[in-house]
Each structure stands twice: as structure tokens, then as C-alpha cells.
N, C-alpha and C. Protein backbone atom coordinates (compact mmCIF):
# COMPACT_ATOMS: atom_id res chain seq x y z
N MET A 1 -30.65 38.04 148.93
CA MET A 1 -28.94 37.69 148.83
C MET A 1 -28.46 39.17 148.87
N ARG A 2 -27.37 39.46 149.74
CA ARG A 2 -26.81 40.79 149.97
C ARG A 2 -25.98 41.41 148.70
N LYS A 3 -26.33 42.84 148.51
CA LYS A 3 -25.59 43.07 147.64
C LYS A 3 -24.41 43.34 147.70
N ARG A 4 -23.28 43.43 146.81
CA ARG A 4 -21.92 43.31 147.11
C ARG A 4 -21.63 44.96 146.83
N ASP A 5 -20.57 45.14 147.94
CA ASP A 5 -20.08 46.46 147.94
C ASP A 5 -18.66 46.81 146.72
N PRO A 6 -18.65 47.59 146.03
CA PRO A 6 -17.61 47.62 145.02
C PRO A 6 -15.99 47.82 145.72
N ASP A 7 -16.33 48.09 146.95
CA ASP A 7 -15.02 48.32 147.72
C ASP A 7 -14.57 46.81 148.34
N ASP A 8 -15.29 45.72 148.26
CA ASP A 8 -14.90 44.44 148.77
C ASP A 8 -13.79 43.92 147.92
N PHE A 9 -14.11 44.09 146.64
CA PHE A 9 -13.13 43.39 145.56
C PHE A 9 -11.52 44.08 145.70
N ASP A 10 -10.82 43.19 145.60
CA ASP A 10 -9.42 43.34 145.70
C ASP A 10 -8.94 43.59 143.87
N THR A 11 -8.65 45.16 143.66
CA THR A 11 -8.30 45.62 142.48
C THR A 11 -6.76 45.44 142.23
N SER A 12 -6.21 45.31 143.25
CA SER A 12 -4.55 45.54 143.08
C SER A 12 -4.11 44.08 142.47
N ILE A 13 -2.85 44.27 142.13
CA ILE A 13 -1.97 42.99 141.53
C ILE A 13 -1.76 42.11 142.54
N ARG A 14 -1.67 40.91 142.21
CA ARG A 14 -1.49 39.82 143.40
C ARG A 14 -0.18 40.23 144.06
N SER A 15 -0.32 40.32 145.43
CA SER A 15 0.77 40.80 146.44
C SER A 15 1.82 39.89 146.70
N ASP A 16 1.74 38.32 146.15
CA ASP A 16 2.72 37.42 145.99
C ASP A 16 3.74 37.44 144.90
N VAL A 17 3.42 38.19 143.76
CA VAL A 17 4.21 37.99 142.62
C VAL A 17 4.79 39.63 142.73
N PRO A 18 6.02 39.58 142.60
CA PRO A 18 6.61 41.08 142.41
C PRO A 18 6.27 41.77 141.20
N ALA A 19 6.31 42.97 141.28
CA ALA A 19 5.97 43.92 139.98
C ALA A 19 6.83 43.67 138.94
N PHE A 20 8.00 43.11 138.83
CA PHE A 20 9.03 43.12 138.07
C PHE A 20 8.60 42.04 136.94
N LYS A 21 8.03 40.87 137.95
CA LYS A 21 7.65 39.31 137.28
C LYS A 21 6.55 39.62 136.35
N VAL A 22 5.71 40.59 136.98
CA VAL A 22 4.38 40.89 136.33
C VAL A 22 4.55 41.67 134.89
N ILE A 23 5.46 42.41 134.93
CA ILE A 23 5.88 43.07 133.61
C ILE A 23 6.52 42.14 132.83
N THR A 24 7.56 41.45 133.15
CA THR A 24 8.18 40.17 132.57
C THR A 24 7.22 39.37 131.59
N GLN A 25 6.04 38.92 132.26
CA GLN A 25 5.10 38.14 131.97
C GLN A 25 4.26 38.78 131.05
N LEU A 26 4.03 40.34 131.20
CA LEU A 26 3.59 41.14 130.26
C LEU A 26 4.31 41.00 128.81
N GLU A 27 5.56 41.32 128.88
CA GLU A 27 6.65 41.45 127.77
C GLU A 27 6.27 39.98 127.13
N LYS A 28 6.54 38.92 127.89
CA LYS A 28 6.56 37.62 126.96
C LYS A 28 5.19 37.51 126.19
N HIS A 29 4.06 38.09 126.84
CA HIS A 29 2.77 37.62 126.42
C HIS A 29 2.80 38.51 125.04
N THR A 30 3.12 39.94 124.89
CA THR A 30 3.29 40.50 123.78
C THR A 30 4.10 40.04 122.75
N HIS A 31 5.54 39.25 123.24
CA HIS A 31 6.16 38.98 122.38
C HIS A 31 5.74 37.60 121.58
N ALA A 32 4.69 36.73 122.43
CA ALA A 32 4.14 35.79 122.12
C ALA A 32 3.26 36.07 120.80
N GLU A 33 2.66 37.18 120.73
CA GLU A 33 1.71 37.30 119.99
C GLU A 33 2.24 37.93 118.59
N THR A 34 3.51 38.06 118.47
CA THR A 34 4.17 38.54 117.10
C THR A 34 4.56 36.96 116.27
N HIS A 35 4.71 35.91 116.83
CA HIS A 35 5.02 34.69 116.42
C HIS A 35 4.32 33.74 116.91
N LYS A 36 3.80 32.77 115.80
CA LYS A 36 2.91 31.73 116.38
C LYS A 36 3.77 30.45 115.97
N THR A 37 3.33 29.40 116.70
CA THR A 37 3.85 27.99 116.11
C THR A 37 2.93 27.54 115.23
N CYS A 38 3.22 26.56 114.21
CA CYS A 38 2.56 25.82 113.19
C CYS A 38 1.98 24.51 114.16
N LYS A 39 0.75 24.23 114.12
CA LYS A 39 0.06 23.02 115.12
C LYS A 39 0.48 21.68 114.03
N VAL A 40 1.06 21.83 113.14
CA VAL A 40 1.43 20.54 112.20
C VAL A 40 2.90 20.30 112.39
N CYS A 41 3.62 21.37 111.86
CA CYS A 41 5.09 21.01 111.81
C CYS A 41 6.15 21.86 113.03
N SER A 42 5.34 22.55 113.95
CA SER A 42 5.78 23.10 114.90
C SER A 42 6.74 24.19 114.82
N SER A 43 6.85 24.57 113.70
CA SER A 43 7.72 25.91 113.48
C SER A 43 7.03 27.16 113.52
N SER A 44 7.76 28.05 113.65
CA SER A 44 7.32 29.42 113.98
C SER A 44 7.21 30.12 112.77
N TYR A 45 6.01 31.04 112.72
CA TYR A 45 5.47 31.95 111.56
C TYR A 45 4.74 33.22 112.29
N SER A 46 4.81 34.28 110.99
CA SER A 46 4.51 35.43 111.84
C SER A 46 2.91 35.31 110.94
N PRO A 47 2.32 35.69 112.18
CA PRO A 47 0.64 35.94 111.47
C PRO A 47 0.26 37.17 110.85
N GLU A 48 1.22 38.24 111.01
CA GLU A 48 1.21 39.25 110.04
C GLU A 48 1.33 39.05 108.75
N LYS A 49 2.52 38.23 108.54
CA LYS A 49 2.70 37.85 106.89
C LYS A 49 1.92 36.60 106.32
N ASN A 50 1.34 35.71 107.21
CA ASN A 50 0.40 34.54 106.81
C ASN A 50 -0.62 34.25 107.91
N PRO A 51 -1.83 35.24 107.53
CA PRO A 51 -2.73 35.04 108.46
C PRO A 51 -3.53 33.65 108.36
N SER A 52 -3.53 33.00 109.43
CA SER A 52 -4.67 31.90 109.37
C SER A 52 -5.39 31.60 110.36
N HIS A 53 -6.56 31.18 110.11
CA HIS A 53 -7.48 31.13 111.17
C HIS A 53 -7.13 29.40 112.01
N PHE A 54 -6.49 28.64 111.40
CA PHE A 54 -6.32 27.40 111.87
C PHE A 54 -5.11 26.93 112.56
N GLY A 55 -4.33 28.02 112.56
CA GLY A 55 -2.96 27.81 113.07
C GLY A 55 -1.65 27.04 112.35
N VAL A 56 -1.70 26.82 111.01
CA VAL A 56 -1.07 26.23 110.59
C VAL A 56 -0.34 27.36 109.38
N CYS A 57 1.18 26.73 109.29
CA CYS A 57 1.93 27.85 108.39
C CYS A 57 1.59 27.55 107.07
N GLU A 58 1.94 28.44 106.08
CA GLU A 58 1.63 28.34 104.71
C GLU A 58 2.01 27.00 104.05
N ARG A 59 3.16 26.71 104.39
CA ARG A 59 3.79 25.42 103.67
C ARG A 59 2.92 24.37 104.14
N CYS A 60 2.48 24.03 105.42
CA CYS A 60 1.74 22.85 105.77
C CYS A 60 0.21 23.09 105.33
N ALA A 61 -0.38 24.32 104.74
CA ALA A 61 -1.58 24.63 104.13
C ALA A 61 -1.43 23.80 102.69
N TYR A 62 -0.42 24.07 102.29
CA TYR A 62 -0.47 23.84 100.91
C TYR A 62 -0.29 22.25 101.03
N LYS A 63 0.44 21.79 101.81
CA LYS A 63 0.47 20.14 101.98
C LYS A 63 -1.13 19.65 101.83
N ILE A 64 -1.78 20.36 103.26
CA ILE A 64 -2.95 19.70 103.39
C ILE A 64 -3.74 19.84 102.27
N LEU A 65 -3.92 20.96 101.33
CA LEU A 65 -4.66 21.25 100.35
C LEU A 65 -4.50 20.12 99.30
N ILE A 66 -3.21 19.83 99.03
CA ILE A 66 -2.90 18.76 98.13
C ILE A 66 -3.46 17.51 98.35
N VAL A 67 -3.20 17.06 99.87
CA VAL A 67 -3.78 15.31 100.45
C VAL A 67 -5.12 15.39 100.24
N LEU A 68 -6.09 16.82 100.32
CA LEU A 68 -7.29 16.74 100.13
C LEU A 68 -7.88 16.84 98.85
N LEU A 69 -7.06 17.41 97.98
CA LEU A 69 -7.27 17.09 96.62
C LEU A 69 -7.18 15.55 96.04
N VAL A 70 -6.02 15.00 96.22
CA VAL A 70 -5.68 13.70 95.99
C VAL A 70 -6.93 13.15 96.41
N ILE A 71 -7.23 13.05 97.58
CA ILE A 71 -8.45 12.24 98.35
C ILE A 71 -9.71 12.28 97.60
N MET A 72 -9.98 13.73 97.06
CA MET A 72 -11.20 14.01 96.33
C MET A 72 -10.92 13.37 94.95
N VAL A 73 -10.10 13.30 94.49
CA VAL A 73 -9.67 12.64 93.02
C VAL A 73 -9.80 10.79 93.21
N ILE A 74 -9.26 10.56 94.19
CA ILE A 74 -9.36 8.71 94.37
C ILE A 74 -10.89 8.58 94.92
N THR A 75 -11.52 9.46 95.62
CA THR A 75 -13.33 9.35 96.00
C THR A 75 -13.76 9.46 94.60
N SER A 76 -13.52 10.32 93.73
CA SER A 76 -14.19 10.42 92.40
C SER A 76 -14.37 9.20 91.66
N TYR A 77 -13.03 8.65 91.59
CA TYR A 77 -12.78 7.49 90.64
C TYR A 77 -13.61 6.17 91.40
N VAL A 78 -13.46 6.31 92.21
CA VAL A 78 -14.29 4.94 93.32
C VAL A 78 -15.60 5.25 92.78
N ALA A 79 -16.06 6.36 93.15
CA ALA A 79 -17.28 6.42 92.77
C ALA A 79 -17.92 6.30 91.41
N TRP A 80 -17.07 6.53 90.73
CA TRP A 80 -17.43 6.58 89.06
C TRP A 80 -17.58 5.27 88.76
N PHE A 81 -16.32 4.51 89.12
CA PHE A 81 -16.12 3.07 88.38
C PHE A 81 -16.86 1.88 89.35
N MET A 82 -17.66 2.14 90.30
CA MET A 82 -18.39 1.13 91.19
C MET A 82 -19.70 1.49 90.79
């Protein structure tokens, strides 16, 4: 197998995309990092205020925890009385 010469690789920005479009895409990418959307209700939230590993807002996280608590209580009653 032939060794590749480092000069063989094209390190420039794609020639078919204008430079202003690349900068605009980078600006959009950095703006997208400041606000994320909730996977449950699709509302935007700030990850700095509410860090979430699951991608849900604080309000939906509490709703999910309440539903899980209710399911656990129901399951415990079913297991206790059967």
C-alpha cells in the first residue's frame, strides 16, 4: 500500500460554497448551541439555565417524574395485594 503524501489532501474550504455562506452557517451553528428544543413539548430552553442530559425542559422533566412515581405506586399496590 502506498503512503499518502500530506500534500494530496485538500485542506481548503469547499470551492462550490461561497465564504459568506460558510460564515453564516457557522453563526447559525453557534446560535443553535445557546438554545435547545425540548424533545417532548418542542419548546426552546436554555441549557445554561437548565442543563439536561436527556434533552427535555425542566417542566417536562417534572411531568415525567410524576408519571413515573404514579406508575411505581400503582405497581407496588398491585404487587402487595396479589
